[in-house]
PDB file of N, CA and C in Angstrom:
ATOM      1  N   UNK A   1     -13.198 -22.061  11.900  1.00  0.00           N
ATOM      2  CA  UNK A   1     -12.186 -22.471  10.945  1.00  0.00           C
ATOM      3  C   UNK A   1     -11.198 -23.411  11.628  1.00  0.00           C
ATOM      4  N   UNK A   2     -10.453 -24.145  10.842  1.00  0.00           N
ATOM      5  CA  UNK A   2      -9.485 -25.070  11.413  1.00  0.00           C
ATOM      6  C   UNK A   2      -8.346 -24.322  12.098  1.00  0.00           C
ATOM      7  N   UNK A   3      -8.004 -23.131  11.591  1.00  0.00           N
ATOM      8  CA  UNK A   3      -6.947 -22.357  12.244  1.00  0.00           C
ATOM      9  C   UNK A   3      -7.360 -21.974  13.653  1.00  0.00           C
ATOM     10  N   UNK A   4      -8.586 -21.463  13.818  1.00  0.00           N
ATOM     11  CA  UNK A   4      -9.050 -21.081  15.156  1.00  0.00           C
ATOM     12  C   UNK A   4      -9.148 -22.290  16.068  1.00  0.00           C
ATOM     13  N   UNK A   5      -9.578 -23.414  15.518  1.00  0.00           N
ATOM     14  CA  UNK A   5      -9.646 -24.626  16.324  1.00  0.00           C
ATOM     15  C   UNK A   5      -8.258 -25.029  16.785  1.00  0.00           C
ATOM     16  N   UNK A   6      -7.257 -24.883  15.903  1.00  0.00           N
ATOM     17  CA  UNK A   6      -5.892 -25.219  16.294  1.00  0.00           C
ATOM     18  C   UNK A   6      -5.362 -24.257  17.337  1.00  0.00           C
ATOM     19  N   UNK A   7      -5.702 -22.990  17.199  1.00  0.00           N
ATOM     20  CA  UNK A   7      -5.183 -21.978  18.117  1.00  0.00           C
ATOM     21  C   UNK A   7      -5.912 -22.003  19.455  1.00  0.00           C
ATOM     22  N   UNK A   8      -7.222 -22.224  19.445  1.00  0.00           N
ATOM     23  CA  UNK A   8      -8.017 -22.084  20.665  1.00  0.00           C
ATOM     24  C   UNK A   8      -8.686 -23.361  21.136  1.00  0.00           C
ATOM     25  N   UNK A   9      -8.766 -24.357  20.293  1.00  0.00           N
ATOM     26  CA  UNK A   9      -9.514 -25.556  20.640  1.00  0.00           C
ATOM     27  C   UNK A   9     -10.990 -25.357  20.322  1.00  0.00           C
ATOM     28  N   UNK A  10     -11.746 -26.426  20.367  1.00  0.00           N
ATOM     29  CA  UNK A  10     -13.182 -26.346  20.103  1.00  0.00           C
ATOM     30  C   UNK A  10     -13.924 -27.011  21.257  1.00  0.00           C
ATOM     31  N   UNK A  11     -14.800 -26.266  21.925  1.00  0.00           N
ATOM     32  CA  UNK A  11     -15.573 -26.871  23.015  1.00  0.00           C
ATOM     33  C   UNK A  11     -16.429 -28.032  22.512  1.00  0.00           C
ATOM     34  N   UNK A  12     -16.649 -29.000  23.376  1.00  0.00           N
ATOM     35  CA  UNK A  12     -17.415 -30.203  23.029  1.00  0.00           C
ATOM     36  C   UNK A  12     -18.821 -29.853  22.564  1.00  0.00           C
ATOM     37  N   UNK A  13     -19.459 -28.863  23.194  1.00  0.00           N
ATOM     38  CA  UNK A  13     -20.828 -28.517  22.796  1.00  0.00           C
ATOM     39  C   UNK A  13     -20.873 -27.921  21.388  1.00  0.00           C
ATOM     40  N   UNK A  14     -19.827 -27.184  20.983  1.00  0.00           N
ATOM     41  CA  UNK A  14     -19.761 -26.647  19.619  1.00  0.00           C
ATOM     42  C   UNK A  14     -19.553 -27.788  18.625  1.00  0.00           C
ATOM     43  N   UNK A  15     -18.686 -28.718  18.982  1.00  0.00           N
ATOM     44  CA  UNK A  15     -18.448 -29.896  18.136  1.00  0.00           C
ATOM     45  C   UNK A  15     -19.753 -30.669  17.934  1.00  0.00           C
ATOM     46  N   UNK A  16     -20.498 -30.887  19.023  1.00  0.00           N
ATOM     47  CA  UNK A  16     -21.768 -31.610  18.935  1.00  0.00           C
ATOM     48  C   UNK A  16     -22.779 -30.859  18.071  1.00  0.00           C
ATOM     49  N   UNK A  17     -22.842 -29.526  18.219  1.00  0.00           N
ATOM     50  CA  UNK A  17     -23.772 -28.717  17.441  1.00  0.00           C
ATOM     51  C   UNK A  17     -23.435 -28.792  15.948  1.00  0.00           C
ATOM     52  N   UNK A  18     -22.158 -28.678  15.604  1.00  0.00           N
ATOM     53  CA  UNK A  18     -21.760 -28.757  14.199  1.00  0.00           C
ATOM     54  C   UNK A  18     -22.043 -30.135  13.609  1.00  0.00           C
ATOM     55  N   UNK A  19     -21.843 -31.173  14.400  1.00  0.00           N
ATOM     56  CA  UNK A  19     -22.150 -32.533  13.941  1.00  0.00           C
ATOM     57  C   UNK A  19     -23.655 -32.677  13.702  1.00  0.00           C
ATOM     58  N   UNK A  20     -24.454 -32.116  14.599  1.00  0.00           N
ATOM     59  CA  UNK A  20     -25.915 -32.184  14.461  1.00  0.00           C
ATOM     60  C   UNK A  20     -26.371 -31.439  13.204  1.00  0.00           C
ATOM     61  N   UNK A  21     -25.798 -30.259  12.956  1.00  0.00           N
ATOM     62  CA  UNK A  21     -26.143 -29.484  11.758  1.00  0.00           C
ATOM     63  C   UNK A  21     -25.759 -30.258  10.501  1.00  0.00           C
ATOM     64  N   UNK A  22     -24.598 -30.897  10.530  1.00  0.00           N
ATOM     65  CA  UNK A  22     -24.145 -31.693   9.386  1.00  0.00           C
ATOM     66  C   UNK A  22     -25.100 -32.848   9.121  1.00  0.00           C
ATOM     67  N   UNK A  23     -25.533 -33.515  10.184  1.00  0.00           N
ATOM     68  CA  UNK A  23     -26.485 -34.626  10.025  1.00  0.00           C
ATOM     69  C   UNK A  23     -27.786 -34.146   9.406  1.00  0.00           C
ATOM     70  N   UNK A  24     -28.315 -33.028   9.912  1.00  0.00           N
ATOM     71  CA  UNK A  24     -29.578 -32.501   9.378  1.00  0.00           C
ATOM     72  C   UNK A  24     -29.430 -32.144   7.902  1.00  0.00           C
ATOM     73  N   UNK A  25     -28.298 -31.551   7.548  1.00  0.00           N
ATOM     74  CA  UNK A  25     -28.083 -31.164   6.161  1.00  0.00           C
ATOM     75  C   UNK A  25     -27.933 -32.397   5.268  1.00  0.00           C
ATOM     76  N   UNK A  26     -27.167 -33.384   5.727  1.00  0.00           N
ATOM     77  CA  UNK A  26     -26.889 -34.570   4.914  1.00  0.00           C
ATOM     78  C   UNK A  26     -28.118 -35.458   4.757  1.00  0.00           C
ATOM     79  N   UNK A  27     -28.925 -35.521   5.771  1.00  0.00           N
ATOM     80  CA  UNK A  27     -30.120 -36.344   5.687  1.00  0.00           C
ATOM     81  C   UNK A  27     -31.278 -35.446   5.294  1.00  0.00           C
ATOM     82  N   UNK A  28     -32.235 -35.256   6.147  1.00  0.00           N
ATOM     83  CA  UNK A  28     -33.283 -34.278   5.876  1.00  0.00           C
ATOM     84  C   UNK A  28     -33.627 -33.592   7.185  1.00  0.00           C
ATOM     85  N   UNK A  29     -34.521 -32.639   7.119  1.00  0.00           N
ATOM     86  CA  UNK A  29     -34.814 -31.833   8.304  1.00  0.00           C
ATOM     87  C   UNK A  29     -35.400 -32.658   9.444  1.00  0.00           C
ATOM     88  N   UNK A  30     -35.974 -33.818   9.147  1.00  0.00           N
ATOM     89  CA  UNK A  30     -36.546 -34.658  10.193  1.00  0.00           C
ATOM     90  C   UNK A  30     -35.516 -35.619  10.781  1.00  0.00           C
ATOM     91  N   UNK A  31     -34.316 -35.636  10.224  1.00  0.00           N
ATOM     92  CA  UNK A  31     -33.263 -36.488  10.756  1.00  0.00           C
ATOM     93  C   UNK A  31     -33.383 -37.942  10.365  1.00  0.00           C
ATOM     94  N   UNK A  32     -34.189 -38.224   9.319  1.00  0.00           N
ATOM     95  CA  UNK A  32     -34.330 -39.608   8.869  1.00  0.00           C
ATOM     96  C   UNK A  32     -33.084 -39.963   8.066  1.00  0.00           C
ATOM     97  N   UNK A  33     -32.402 -41.012   8.498  1.00  0.00           N
ATOM     98  CA  UNK A  33     -31.139 -41.363   7.859  1.00  0.00           C
ATOM     99  C   UNK A  33     -31.262 -42.606   7.007  1.00  0.00           C
ATOM    100  N   UNK A  34     -30.872 -42.455   5.758  1.00  0.00           N
ATOM    101  CA  UNK A  34     -30.830 -43.625   4.885  1.00  0.00           C
ATOM    102  C   UNK A  34     -29.394 -44.116   4.721  1.00  0.00           C
ATOM    103  N   UNK A  35     -28.427 -43.258   5.082  1.00  0.00           N
ATOM    104  CA  UNK A  35     -27.012 -43.592   4.981  1.00  0.00           C
ATOM    105  C   UNK A  35     -26.347 -43.189   6.299  1.00  0.00           C
ATOM    106  N   UNK A  36     -25.466 -44.045   6.813  1.00  0.00           N
ATOM    107  CA  UNK A  36     -24.821 -43.742   8.089  1.00  0.00           C
ATOM    108  C   UNK A  36     -23.798 -42.625   7.920  1.00  0.00           C
ATOM    109  N   UNK A  37     -23.477 -41.953   9.015  1.00  0.00           N
ATOM    110  CA  UNK A  37     -22.480 -40.886   8.984  1.00  0.00           C
ATOM    111  C   UNK A  37     -21.111 -41.443   8.618  1.00  0.00           C
ATOM    112  N   UNK A  38     -20.818 -42.672   9.002  1.00  0.00           N
ATOM    113  CA  UNK A  38     -19.531 -43.283   8.626  1.00  0.00           C
ATOM    114  C   UNK A  38     -19.382 -43.357   7.112  1.00  0.00           C
ATOM    115  N   UNK A  39     -20.464 -43.692   6.429  1.00  0.00           N
ATOM    116  CA  UNK A  39     -20.432 -43.745   4.966  1.00  0.00           C
ATOM    117  C   UNK A  39     -20.282 -42.338   4.402  1.00  0.00           C
ATOM    118  N   UNK A  40     -20.999 -41.365   4.959  1.00  0.00           N
ATOM    119  CA  UNK A  40     -20.908 -39.991   4.469  1.00  0.00           C
ATOM    120  C   UNK A  40     -19.513 -39.410   4.665  1.00  0.00           C
ATOM    121  N   UNK A  41     -18.804 -39.837   5.702  1.00  0.00           N
ATOM    122  CA  UNK A  41     -17.434 -39.372   5.939  1.00  0.00           C
ATOM    123  C   UNK A  41     -16.432 -40.045   5.001  1.00  0.00           C
ATOM    124  N   UNK A  42     -16.807 -41.165   4.421  1.00  0.00           N
ATOM    125  CA  UNK A  42     -15.894 -41.914   3.546  1.00  0.00           C
ATOM    126  C   UNK A  42     -15.584 -41.133   2.267  1.00  0.00           C
ATOM    127  N   UNK A  43     -14.425 -41.428   1.651  1.00  0.00           N
ATOM    128  CA  UNK A  43     -14.083 -40.780   0.376  1.00  0.00           C
ATOM    129  C   UNK A  43     -15.103 -41.113  -0.717  1.00  0.00           C
ATOM    130  N   UNK A  44     -15.203 -40.241  -1.697  1.00  0.00           N
ATOM    131  CA  UNK A  44     -16.176 -40.415  -2.783  1.00  0.00           C
ATOM    132  C   UNK A  44     -15.929 -41.717  -3.534  1.00  0.00           C
ATOM    133  N   UNK A  45     -14.667 -42.065  -3.777  1.00  0.00           N
ATOM    134  CA  UNK A  45     -14.385 -43.295  -4.532  1.00  0.00           C
ATOM    135  C   UNK A  45     -14.742 -44.559  -3.754  1.00  0.00           C
ATOM    136  N   UNK A  46     -15.015 -44.405  -2.434  1.00  0.00           N
ATOM    137  CA  UNK A  46     -15.473 -45.551  -1.635  1.00  0.00           C
ATOM    138  C   UNK A  46     -16.982 -45.495  -1.417  1.00  0.00           C
ATOM    139  N   UNK A  47     -17.664 -44.609  -2.137  1.00  0.00           N
ATOM    140  CA  UNK A  47     -19.123 -44.525  -2.046  1.00  0.00           C
ATOM    141  C   UNK A  47     -19.633 -43.505  -1.050  1.00  0.00           C
ATOM    142  N   UNK A  48     -18.734 -42.752  -0.426  1.00  0.00           N
ATOM    143  CA  UNK A  48     -19.142 -41.742   0.541  1.00  0.00           C
ATOM    144  C   UNK A  48     -19.291 -40.372  -0.094  1.00  0.00           C
ATOM    145  N   UNK A  49     -19.456 -39.374   0.732  1.00  0.00           N
ATOM    146  CA  UNK A  49     -19.589 -37.987   0.276  1.00  0.00           C
ATOM    147  C   UNK A  49     -18.416 -37.121   0.714  1.00  0.00           C
ATOM    148  N   UNK A  50     -17.431 -37.730   1.393  1.00  0.00           N
ATOM    149  CA  UNK A  50     -16.220 -37.023   1.832  1.00  0.00           C
ATOM    150  C   UNK A  50     -16.554 -35.820   2.722  1.00  0.00           C
ATOM    151  N   UNK A  51     -17.569 -35.977   3.568  1.00  0.00           N
ATOM    152  CA  UNK A  51     -17.953 -34.923   4.513  1.00  0.00           C
ATOM    153  C   UNK A  51     -16.952 -34.910   5.662  1.00  0.00           C
ATOM    154  N   UNK A  52     -16.528 -33.722   6.045  1.00  0.00           N
ATOM    155  CA  UNK A  52     -15.538 -33.554   7.110  1.00  0.00           C
ATOM    156  C   UNK A  52     -16.044 -34.155   8.423  1.00  0.00           C
ATOM    157  N   UNK A  53     -15.221 -34.982   9.042  1.00  0.00           N
ATOM    158  CA  UNK A  53     -15.543 -35.554  10.345  1.00  0.00           C
ATOM    159  C   UNK A  53     -14.932 -34.636  11.405  1.00  0.00           C
ATOM    160  N   UNK A  54     -15.745 -33.812  12.011  1.00  0.00           N
ATOM    161  CA  UNK A  54     -15.277 -32.787  12.943  1.00  0.00           C
ATOM    162  C   UNK A  54     -14.606 -33.412  14.166  1.00  0.00           C
ATOM    163  N   UNK A  55     -15.165 -34.491  14.672  1.00  0.00           N
ATOM    164  CA  UNK A  55     -14.566 -35.136  15.854  1.00  0.00           C
ATOM    165  C   UNK A  55     -13.151 -35.640  15.551  1.00  0.00           C
ATOM    166  N   UNK A  56     -12.989 -36.274  14.404  1.00  0.00           N
ATOM    167  CA  UNK A  56     -11.664 -36.788  14.032  1.00  0.00           C
ATOM    168  C   UNK A  56     -10.669 -35.645  13.826  1.00  0.00           C
ATOM    169  N   UNK A  57     -11.119 -34.557  13.215  1.00  0.00           N
ATOM    170  CA  UNK A  57     -10.233 -33.395  13.016  1.00  0.00           C
ATOM    171  C   UNK A  57      -9.798 -32.805  14.352  1.00  0.00           C
ATOM    172  N   UNK A  58     -10.732 -32.666  15.284  1.00  0.00           N
ATOM    173  CA  UNK A  58     -10.393 -32.116  16.602  1.00  0.00           C
ATOM    174  C   UNK A  58      -9.434 -33.030  17.356  1.00  0.00           C
ATOM    175  N   UNK A  59      -9.639 -34.330  17.228  1.00  0.00           N
ATOM    176  CA  UNK A  59      -8.736 -35.276  17.886  1.00  0.00           C
ATOM    177  C   UNK A  59      -7.328 -35.177  17.284  1.00  0.00           C
ATOM    178  N   UNK A  60      -7.251 -35.025  15.963  1.00  0.00           N
ATOM    179  CA  UNK A  60      -5.946 -34.882  15.304  1.00  0.00           C
ATOM    180  C   UNK A  60      -5.246 -33.600  15.762  1.00  0.00           C
ATOM    181  N   UNK A  61      -5.997 -32.524  15.936  1.00  0.00           N
ATOM    182  CA  UNK A  61      -5.427 -31.264  16.415  1.00  0.00           C
ATOM    183  C   UNK A  61      -4.889 -31.428  17.834  1.00  0.00           C
ATOM    184  N   UNK A  62      -5.648 -32.117  18.690  1.00  0.00           N
ATOM    185  CA  UNK A  62      -5.192 -32.344  20.065  1.00  0.00           C
ATOM    186  C   UNK A  62      -3.922 -33.201  20.087  1.00  0.00           C
ATOM    187  N   UNK A  63      -3.836 -34.181  19.193  1.00  0.00           N
ATOM    188  CA  UNK A  63      -2.626 -35.000  19.119  1.00  0.00           C
ATOM    189  C   UNK A  63      -1.426 -34.179  18.641  1.00  0.00           C
ATOM    190  N   UNK A  64      -1.661 -33.224  17.738  1.00  0.00           N
ATOM    191  CA  UNK A  64      -0.569 -32.348  17.295  1.00  0.00           C
ATOM    192  C   UNK A  64      -0.099 -31.465  18.448  1.00  0.00           C
ATOM    193  N   UNK A  65      -1.041 -31.002  19.287  1.00  0.00           N
ATOM    194  CA  UNK A  65      -0.665 -30.227  20.484  1.00  0.00           C
ATOM    195  C   UNK A  65       0.221 -31.074  21.389  1.00  0.00           C
ATOM    196  N   UNK A  66      -0.198 -32.328  21.623  1.00  0.00           N
ATOM    197  CA  UNK A  66       0.562 -33.219  22.492  1.00  0.00           C
ATOM    198  C   UNK A  66       1.951 -33.489  21.911  1.00  0.00           C
ATOM    199  N   UNK A  67       2.023 -33.674  20.601  1.00  0.00           N
ATOM    200  CA  UNK A  67       3.317 -33.886  19.948  1.00  0.00           C
ATOM    201  C   UNK A  67       4.227 -32.679  20.174  1.00  0.00           C
ATOM    202  N   UNK A  68       3.684 -31.475  20.060  1.00  0.00           N
ATOM    203  CA  UNK A  68       4.475 -30.260  20.302  1.00  0.00           C
ATOM    204  C   UNK A  68       4.904 -30.163  21.761  1.00  0.00           C
ATOM    205  N   UNK A  69       4.002 -30.531  22.665  1.00  0.00           N
ATOM    206  CA  UNK A  69       4.305 -30.460  24.091  1.00  0.00           C
ATOM    207  C   UNK A  69       5.426 -31.420  24.467  1.00  0.00           C
ATOM    208  N   UNK A  70       5.470 -32.580  23.823  1.00  0.00           N
ATOM    209  CA  UNK A  70       6.462 -33.601  24.151  1.00  0.00           C
ATOM    210  C   UNK A  70       7.711 -33.533  23.279  1.00  0.00           C
ATOM    211  N   UNK A  71       7.782 -32.557  22.402  1.00  0.00           N
ATOM    212  CA  UNK A  71       8.930 -32.435  21.494  1.00  0.00           C
ATOM    213  C   UNK A  71      10.214 -32.184  22.276  1.00  0.00           C
ATOM    214  N   UNK A  72      11.373 -32.590  21.728  1.00  0.00           N
ATOM    215  CA  UNK A  72      12.641 -32.289  22.389  1.00  0.00           C
ATOM    216  C   UNK A  72      12.870 -30.775  22.458  1.00  0.00           C
ATOM    217  N   UNK A  73      13.653 -30.352  23.415  1.00  0.00           N
ATOM    218  CA  UNK A  73      13.852 -28.928  23.700  1.00  0.00           C
ATOM    219  C   UNK A  73      14.203 -28.064  22.493  1.00  0.00           C
ATOM    220  N   UNK A  74      15.111 -28.469  21.599  1.00  0.00           N
ATOM    221  CA  UNK A  74      15.457 -27.556  20.492  1.00  0.00           C
ATOM    222  C   UNK A  74      14.283 -27.194  19.580  1.00  0.00           C
ATOM    223  N   UNK A  75      13.300 -28.091  19.446  1.00  0.00           N
ATOM    224  CA  UNK A  75      12.172 -27.816  18.551  1.00  0.00           C
ATOM    225  C   UNK A  75      10.871 -27.534  19.298  1.00  0.00           C
ATOM    226  N   UNK A  76      10.934 -27.482  20.612  1.00  0.00           N
ATOM    227  CA  UNK A  76       9.739 -27.264  21.432  1.00  0.00           C
ATOM    228  C   UNK A  76       9.256 -25.819  21.269  1.00  0.00           C
ATOM    229  N   UNK A  77       7.955 -25.599  21.027  1.00  0.00           N
ATOM    230  CA  UNK A  77       7.445 -24.236  20.916  1.00  0.00           C
ATOM    231  C   UNK A  77       7.458 -23.518  22.272  1.00  0.00           C
ATOM    232  N   UNK A  78       7.442 -22.189  22.234  1.00  0.00           N
ATOM    233  CA  UNK A  78       7.506 -21.377  23.450  1.00  0.00           C
ATOM    234  C   UNK A  78       6.391 -21.717  24.436  1.00  0.00           C
ATOM    235  N   UNK A  79       5.177 -21.942  23.931  1.00  0.00           N
ATOM    236  CA  UNK A  79       4.047 -22.179  24.823  1.00  0.00           C
ATOM    237  C   UNK A  79       4.227 -23.458  25.639  1.00  0.00           C
ATOM    238  N   UNK A  80       4.999 -24.422  25.136  1.00  0.00           N
ATOM    239  CA  UNK A  80       5.176 -25.697  25.835  1.00  0.00           C
ATOM    240  C   UNK A  80       5.930 -25.505  27.150  1.00  0.00           C
ATOM    241  N   UNK A  81       6.908 -24.598  27.177  1.00  0.00           N
ATOM    242  CA  UNK A  81       7.638 -24.328  28.425  1.00  0.00           C
ATOM    243  C   UNK A  81       6.694 -23.740  29.471  1.00  0.00           C
ATOM    244  N   UNK A  82       5.822 -22.851  29.025  1.00  0.00           N
ATOM    245  CA  UNK A  82       4.835 -22.258  29.920  1.00  0.00           C
ATOM    246  C   UNK A  82       3.856 -23.320  30.427  1.00  0.00           C
ATOM    247  N   UNK A  83       3.421 -24.197  29.527  1.00  0.00           N
ATOM    248  CA  UNK A  83       2.487 -25.266  29.918  1.00  0.00           C
ATOM    249  C   UNK A  83       3.118 -26.200  30.940  1.00  0.00           C
ATOM    250  N   UNK A  84       4.386 -26.564  30.752  1.00  0.00           N
ATOM    251  CA  UNK A  84       5.069 -27.446  31.709  1.00  0.00           C
ATOM    252  C   UNK A  84       5.182 -26.777  33.081  1.00  0.00           C
ATOM    253  N   UNK A  85       5.418 -25.471  33.093  1.00  0.00           N
ATOM    254  CA  UNK A  85       5.499 -24.742  34.363  1.00  0.00           C
ATOM    255  C   UNK A  85       4.154 -24.776  35.082  1.00  0.00           C
ATOM    256  N   UNK A  86       3.067 -24.563  34.346  1.00  0.00           N
ATOM    257  CA  UNK A  86       1.729 -24.616  34.952  1.00  0.00           C
ATOM    258  C   UNK A  86       1.396 -26.008  35.470  1.00  0.00           C
ATOM    259  N   UNK A  87       1.772 -27.033  34.709  1.00  0.00           N
ATOM    260  CA  UNK A  87       1.510 -28.413  35.135  1.00  0.00           C
ATOM    261  C   UNK A  87       2.303 -28.728  36.398  1.00  0.00           C
ATOM    262  N   UNK A  88       3.570 -28.314  36.437  1.00  0.00           N
ATOM    263  CA  UNK A  88       4.411 -28.577  37.612  1.00  0.00           C
ATOM    264  C   UNK A  88       3.856 -27.880  38.848  1.00  0.00           C
ATOM    265  N   UNK A  89       3.354 -26.648  38.691  1.00  0.00           N
ATOM    266  CA  UNK A  89       2.786 -25.930  39.838  1.00  0.00           C
ATOM    267  C   UNK A  89       1.486 -26.563  40.314  1.00  0.00           C
ATOM    268  N   UNK A  90       0.732 -27.140  39.390  1.00  0.00           N
ATOM    269  CA  UNK A  90      -0.553 -27.741  39.748  1.00  0.00           C
ATOM    270  C   UNK A  90      -0.397 -29.106  40.403  1.00  0.00           C
ATOM    271  N   UNK A  91       0.758 -29.747  40.217  1.00  0.00           N
ATOM    272  CA  UNK A  91       0.981 -31.063  40.820  1.00  0.00           C
ATOM    273  C   UNK A  91       1.101 -30.925  42.336  1.00  0.00           C
ATOM    274  N   UNK A  92       0.559 -31.864  43.038  1.00  0.00           N
ATOM    275  CA  UNK A  92       0.649 -31.858  44.493  1.00  0.00           C
ATOM    276  C   UNK A  92       2.074 -32.184  44.920  1.00  0.00           C
ATOM    277  N   UNK A  93       2.478 -31.605  46.025  1.00  0.00           N
ATOM    278  CA  UNK A  93       3.789 -31.945  46.578  1.00  0.00           C
ATOM    279  C   UNK A  93       3.767 -33.390  47.048  1.00  0.00           C
ATOM    280  N   UNK A  94       4.803 -34.101  46.686  1.00  0.00           N
ATOM    281  CA  UNK A  94       4.878 -35.501  47.051  1.00  0.00           C
ATOM    282  C   UNK A  94       6.341 -35.885  47.228  1.00  0.00           C
ATOM    283  N   UNK A  95       6.644 -36.635  48.266  1.00  0.00           N
ATOM    284  CA  UNK A  95       8.027 -37.074  48.425  1.00  0.00           C
ATOM    285  C   UNK A  95       8.430 -38.094  47.356  1.00  0.00           C
ATOM    286  N   UNK A  96       7.455 -38.702  46.694  1.00  0.00           N
ATOM    287  CA  UNK A  96       7.737 -39.716  45.682  1.00  0.00           C
ATOM    288  C   UNK A  96       8.152 -39.073  44.355  1.00  0.00           C
ATOM    289  N   UNK A  97       7.579 -37.909  44.040  1.00  0.00           N
ATOM    290  CA  UNK A  97       7.855 -37.249  42.761  1.00  0.00           C
ATOM    291  C   UNK A  97       9.004 -36.268  42.930  1.00  0.00           C
ATOM    292  N   UNK A  98      10.077 -36.524  42.208  1.00  0.00           N
ATOM    293  CA  UNK A  98      11.232 -35.635  42.262  1.00  0.00           C
ATOM    294  C   UNK A  98      10.919 -34.343  41.508  1.00  0.00           C
ATOM    295  N   UNK A  99      11.464 -33.201  41.956  1.00  0.00           N
ATOM    296  CA  UNK A  99      11.182 -31.933  41.273  1.00  0.00           C
ATOM    297  C   UNK A  99      11.543 -31.940  39.797  1.00  0.00           C
ATOM    298  N   UNK A 100      12.643 -32.607  39.426  1.00  0.00           N
ATOM    299  CA  UNK A 100      13.026 -32.637  38.011  1.00  0.00           C
ATOM    300  C   UNK A 100      12.045 -33.452  37.168  1.00  0.00           C
ATOM    301  N   UNK A 101      11.308 -34.370  37.807  1.00  0.00           N
ATOM    302  CA  UNK A 101      10.313 -35.152  37.077  1.00  0.00           C
ATOM    303  C   UNK A 101       9.080 -34.325  36.760  1.00  0.00           C
ATOM    304  N   UNK A 102       8.909 -33.207  37.461  1.00  0.00           N
ATOM    305  CA  UNK A 102       7.759 -32.341  37.206  1.00  0.00           C
ATOM    306  C   UNK A 102       7.940 -31.486  35.956  1.00  0.00           C
ATOM    307  N   UNK A 103       9.146 -31.461  35.406  1.00  0.00           N
ATOM    308  CA  UNK A 103       9.394 -30.656  34.208  1.00  0.00           C
ATOM    309  C   UNK A 103       8.543 -31.166  33.052  1.00  0.00           C
ATOM    310  N   UNK A 104       8.464 -32.463  32.879  1.00  0.00           N
ATOM    311  CA  UNK A 104       7.617 -33.047  31.850  1.00  0.00           C
ATOM    312  C   UNK A 104       7.001 -34.316  32.416  1.00  0.00           C
ATOM    313  N   UNK A 105       5.800 -34.185  32.933  1.00  0.00           N
ATOM    314  CA  UNK A 105       5.150 -35.310  33.620  1.00  0.00           C
ATOM    315  C   UNK A 105       4.839 -36.470  32.680  1.00  0.00           C
ATOM    316  N   UNK A 106       4.800 -36.217  31.358  1.00  0.00           N
ATOM    317  CA  UNK A 106       4.481 -37.284  30.411  1.00  0.00           C
ATOM    318  C   UNK A 106       5.675 -38.167  30.105  1.00  0.00           C
ATOM    319  N   UNK A 107       6.877 -37.684  30.381  1.00  0.00           N
ATOM    320  CA  UNK A 107       8.077 -38.431  30.045  1.00  0.00           C
ATOM    321  C   UNK A 107       8.783 -38.997  31.279  1.00  0.00           C
ATOM    322  N   UNK A 108       8.047 -39.157  32.373  1.00  0.00           N
ATOM    323  CA  UNK A 108       8.629 -39.707  33.585  1.00  0.00           C
ATOM    324  C   UNK A 108       8.874 -41.197  33.414  1.00  0.00           C
ATOM    325  N   UNK A 109       9.865 -41.672  34.117  1.00  0.00           N
ATOM    326  CA  UNK A 109      10.032 -43.118  34.225  1.00  0.00           C
ATOM    327  C   UNK A 109       9.901 -43.458  35.705  1.00  0.00           C
ATOM    328  N   UNK A 110       9.316 -44.586  35.987  1.00  0.00           N
ATOM    329  CA  UNK A 110       9.101 -44.953  37.375  1.00  0.00           C
ATOM    330  C   UNK A 110       9.102 -46.470  37.500  1.00  0.00           C
ATOM    331  N   UNK A 111       9.315 -46.887  38.707  1.00  0.00           N
ATOM    332  CA  UNK A 111       9.354 -48.304  39.014  1.00  0.00           C
ATOM    333  C   UNK A 111       8.291 -48.573  40.080  1.00  0.00           C
ATOM    334  N   UNK A 112       7.331 -49.439  39.821  1.00  0.00           N
ATOM    335  CA  UNK A 112       6.252 -49.653  40.790  1.00  0.00           C
ATOM    336  C   UNK A 112       6.684 -50.391  42.036  1.00  0.00           C
ATOM    337  N   UNK A 113       7.891 -50.947  42.079  1.00  0.00           N
ATOM    338  CA  UNK A 113       8.289 -51.704  43.257  1.00  0.00           C
ATOM    339  C   UNK A 113       8.918 -50.825  44.316  1.00  0.00           C
TER     340      UNK A 113
END
């Protein structure tokens, strides 16, 4: 379900398997395609079948996770603080990276010179 995918993520092999099952169902058991998957994903009024694009849905879920992770502190979810702590601990010690920059590695500013 989309809720479980949002909560736990979906492994790439499961995504590939579901896409393969969708192709077999939409075409025929031999996989002979008369219509491309792009057309099948299109809305009905554009000539498609409005079939769910699992890859696009998973990518949208990952972008929502990233949006939550990068949210300002007042609206940041609890898990984001934990994630930032894990990321900071996993970063290698470096004299170039200041400790306060490890709080949110995605929002660092730096000068290459």
